[in-house]
């Protein structure tokens, strides 16, 4: 099998094209900076992954910014740090500030010459629109958790995307 055998490429945006780890760590600084113990990058990412996947399973239709606000609140509780709801909401809106990887835009422009480019992502449409401006490419299709009504890794998300192709 060769790459040239394909007509379309699908991507998850966050972690592949957008550096969600760096963006998340920066957006969590108001919280992690108040913790009574040192929290390493891996500690933060592991705790976040657990809280996020739990929230996605229990609230599969919750819009991503609201889901992230809940994650922030749960992390605050886990780390024993007070957090008001405005902080939680600010974290939920932080996706728009997460940076693209340095090579994402250039790579996508190259790939766009040869393939249809499709995004399947766990975010909402507004958050993706902000991220997409950083990627500087027009995707042939964008499927978000907001469109589908569930979060990956639910099979429904992949089935939905494949039905559209």
Protein backbone atom coordinates (compact mmCIF):
# COMPACT_ATOMS: atom_id res chain seq x y z
CA UNK A 1 0.00 0.00 0.00
CA UNK A 2 1.33 3.41 -0.99
CA UNK A 3 0.26 6.85 0.16
CA UNK A 4 -0.57 7.71 -3.44
CA UNK A 5 -3.27 5.00 -3.37
CA UNK A 6 -5.45 7.32 -1.27
CA UNK A 7 -7.67 10.21 -2.34
CA UNK A 8 -8.43 11.65 1.10
CA UNK A 9 -6.63 12.03 4.42
CA UNK A 10 -8.41 12.42 7.73
CA UNK A 11 -6.96 14.15 10.74
CA UNK A 12 -7.77 14.83 14.32
CA UNK A 13 -6.76 18.43 14.69
CA UNK A 14 -5.65 18.64 18.32
CA UNK A 15 -2.37 16.92 19.01
CA UNK A 16 -1.82 16.43 15.27
CA UNK A 17 -2.02 19.95 13.82
CA UNK A 18 -2.63 22.09 16.91
CA UNK A 19 -0.30 21.79 19.91
CA UNK A 20 -3.03 21.22 22.46
CA UNK A 21 -0.60 20.16 25.18
CA UNK A 22 1.30 23.46 25.12
CA UNK A 23 -1.94 25.42 24.87
CA UNK A 24 -3.55 23.50 27.68
CA UNK A 25 -0.56 23.79 30.02
CA UNK A 26 -0.47 27.55 29.46
CA UNK A 27 -4.23 27.92 29.99
CA UNK A 28 -4.07 25.86 33.19
CA UNK A 29 -1.30 28.03 34.67
CA UNK A 30 -3.71 30.11 36.81
CA UNK A 31 -4.77 26.85 38.44
CA UNK A 32 -1.50 24.91 38.56
CA UNK A 33 0.35 27.96 39.83
CA UNK A 34 -1.83 27.94 42.97
CA UNK A 35 -1.44 24.23 43.73
CA UNK A 36 0.26 23.42 47.03
CA UNK A 37 2.56 20.94 45.32
CA UNK A 38 4.68 20.90 42.20
CA UNK A 39 2.76 19.57 39.23
CA UNK A 40 4.92 18.35 36.38
CA UNK A 41 3.79 18.50 32.78
CA UNK A 42 3.03 14.77 32.68
CA UNK A 43 1.10 14.97 35.96
CA UNK A 44 -1.05 17.75 34.52
CA UNK A 45 -1.61 16.01 31.19
CA UNK A 46 -2.50 12.68 32.80
CA UNK A 47 -4.93 14.28 35.24
CA UNK A 48 -6.49 16.28 32.43
CA UNK A 49 -6.82 13.23 30.17
CA UNK A 50 -8.60 11.32 32.93
CA UNK A 51 -11.00 14.15 33.75
CA UNK A 52 -11.67 14.93 30.09
CA UNK A 53 -12.38 11.33 29.07
CA UNK A 54 -14.65 10.89 32.09
CA UNK A 55 -16.58 14.04 31.21
CA UNK A 56 -16.85 12.98 27.56
CA UNK A 57 -18.28 9.59 28.54
CA UNK A 58 -20.80 10.99 31.01
CA UNK A 59 -21.82 14.04 28.93
CA UNK A 60 -21.32 13.10 25.27
CA UNK A 61 -23.49 15.93 23.95
CA UNK A 62 -22.00 18.70 26.11
CA UNK A 63 -20.36 21.43 23.99
CA UNK A 64 -16.57 21.27 24.23
CA UNK A 65 -16.05 24.67 25.90
CA UNK A 66 -18.54 23.69 28.62
CA UNK A 67 -16.91 20.28 28.95
CA UNK A 68 -13.50 21.91 29.43
CA UNK A 69 -14.97 24.21 32.07
CA UNK A 70 -16.12 21.11 33.98
CA UNK A 71 -12.66 19.56 33.55
CA UNK A 72 -11.07 22.71 35.01
CA UNK A 73 -13.40 22.57 38.02
CA UNK A 74 -12.64 18.89 38.61
CA UNK A 75 -8.90 19.49 38.33
CA UNK A 76 -9.20 22.32 40.86
CA UNK A 77 -10.96 19.93 43.23
CA UNK A 78 -8.40 17.17 42.61
CA UNK A 79 -5.52 19.54 43.34
CA UNK A 80 -7.25 21.27 46.27
CA UNK A 81 -7.23 24.68 44.60
CA UNK A 82 -10.19 27.07 44.74
CA UNK A 83 -11.52 28.09 41.32
CA UNK A 84 -14.47 30.28 40.45
CA UNK A 85 -16.76 29.59 37.51
CA UNK A 86 -15.35 32.51 35.49
CA UNK A 87 -11.94 30.80 35.56
CA UNK A 88 -13.56 27.55 34.45
CA UNK A 89 -15.29 29.28 31.54
CA UNK A 90 -12.07 31.05 30.54
CA UNK A 91 -10.34 27.69 30.36
CA UNK A 92 -13.21 26.35 28.27
CA UNK A 93 -12.66 29.17 25.79
CA UNK A 94 -8.87 28.70 25.68
CA UNK A 95 -8.90 26.35 22.68
CA UNK A 96 -8.91 29.38 20.40
CA UNK A 97 -5.49 30.33 21.83
CA UNK A 98 -3.80 26.96 21.46
CA UNK A 99 -0.95 27.24 18.93
CA UNK A 100 -0.50 25.33 15.71
CA UNK A 101 2.61 23.20 15.36
CA UNK A 102 5.23 25.08 13.35
CA UNK A 103 5.00 22.79 10.33
CA UNK A 104 1.22 22.30 10.22
CA UNK A 105 0.20 25.03 7.76
CA UNK A 106 2.99 24.30 5.28
CA UNK A 107 2.39 20.54 5.45
CA UNK A 108 -1.34 20.94 4.93
CA UNK A 109 -0.80 23.19 1.92
CA UNK A 110 1.42 20.53 0.37
CA UNK A 111 -1.02 17.71 1.11
CA UNK A 112 -3.96 19.74 -0.21
CA UNK A 113 -2.37 19.59 -3.67
CA UNK A 114 -2.76 15.80 -3.68
CA UNK A 115 -5.61 14.86 -1.35
CA UNK A 116 -8.93 15.87 0.06
CA UNK A 117 -8.32 16.91 3.67
CA UNK A 118 -10.88 16.02 6.32
CA UNK A 119 -10.95 16.82 10.03
CA UNK A 120 -12.69 14.68 12.64
CA UNK A 121 -12.33 16.38 15.99
CA UNK A 122 -13.73 16.43 19.51
CA UNK A 123 -14.24 20.19 19.63
CA UNK A 124 -17.08 22.53 18.78
CA UNK A 125 -17.34 24.42 15.51
CA UNK A 126 -16.44 27.85 16.92
CA UNK A 127 -13.27 26.57 18.60
CA UNK A 128 -12.24 24.77 15.43
CA UNK A 129 -12.83 27.91 13.36
CA UNK A 130 -10.26 29.77 15.50
CA UNK A 131 -7.77 26.92 15.16
CA UNK A 132 -8.38 26.62 11.44
CA UNK A 133 -7.33 30.24 10.89
CA UNK A 134 -3.90 29.25 12.24
CA UNK A 135 -3.74 26.31 9.84
CA UNK A 136 -4.38 28.50 6.79
CA UNK A 137 -6.01 25.78 4.69
CA UNK A 138 -9.53 25.07 3.55
CA UNK A 139 -10.51 21.57 4.59
CA UNK A 140 -12.78 19.60 2.29
CA UNK A 141 -14.87 18.50 5.25
CA UNK A 142 -14.93 19.22 8.97
CA UNK A 143 -16.78 16.93 11.39
CA UNK A 144 -16.84 17.96 15.02
CA UNK A 145 -18.27 16.43 18.17
CA UNK A 146 -20.82 19.24 18.05
CA UNK A 147 -22.00 18.03 14.63
CA UNK A 148 -22.10 14.36 15.61
CA UNK A 149 -23.35 14.59 19.19
CA UNK A 150 -20.64 12.43 20.74
CA UNK A 151 -16.91 12.38 21.39
CA UNK A 152 -14.23 10.08 20.03
CA UNK A 153 -13.36 7.33 20.61
CA UNK A 154 -17.06 6.51 20.24
CA UNK A 155 -17.46 4.42 17.07
CA UNK A 156 -20.35 6.69 16.07
CA UNK A 157 -17.90 9.50 15.26
CA UNK A 158 -15.88 7.41 12.82
CA UNK A 159 -19.01 5.86 11.31
CA UNK A 160 -20.46 9.33 10.77
CA UNK A 161 -17.33 10.51 9.00
CA UNK A 162 -17.13 7.41 6.79
CA UNK A 163 -20.80 7.74 5.83
CA UNK A 164 -20.06 11.25 4.57
CA UNK A 165 -17.10 10.23 2.39
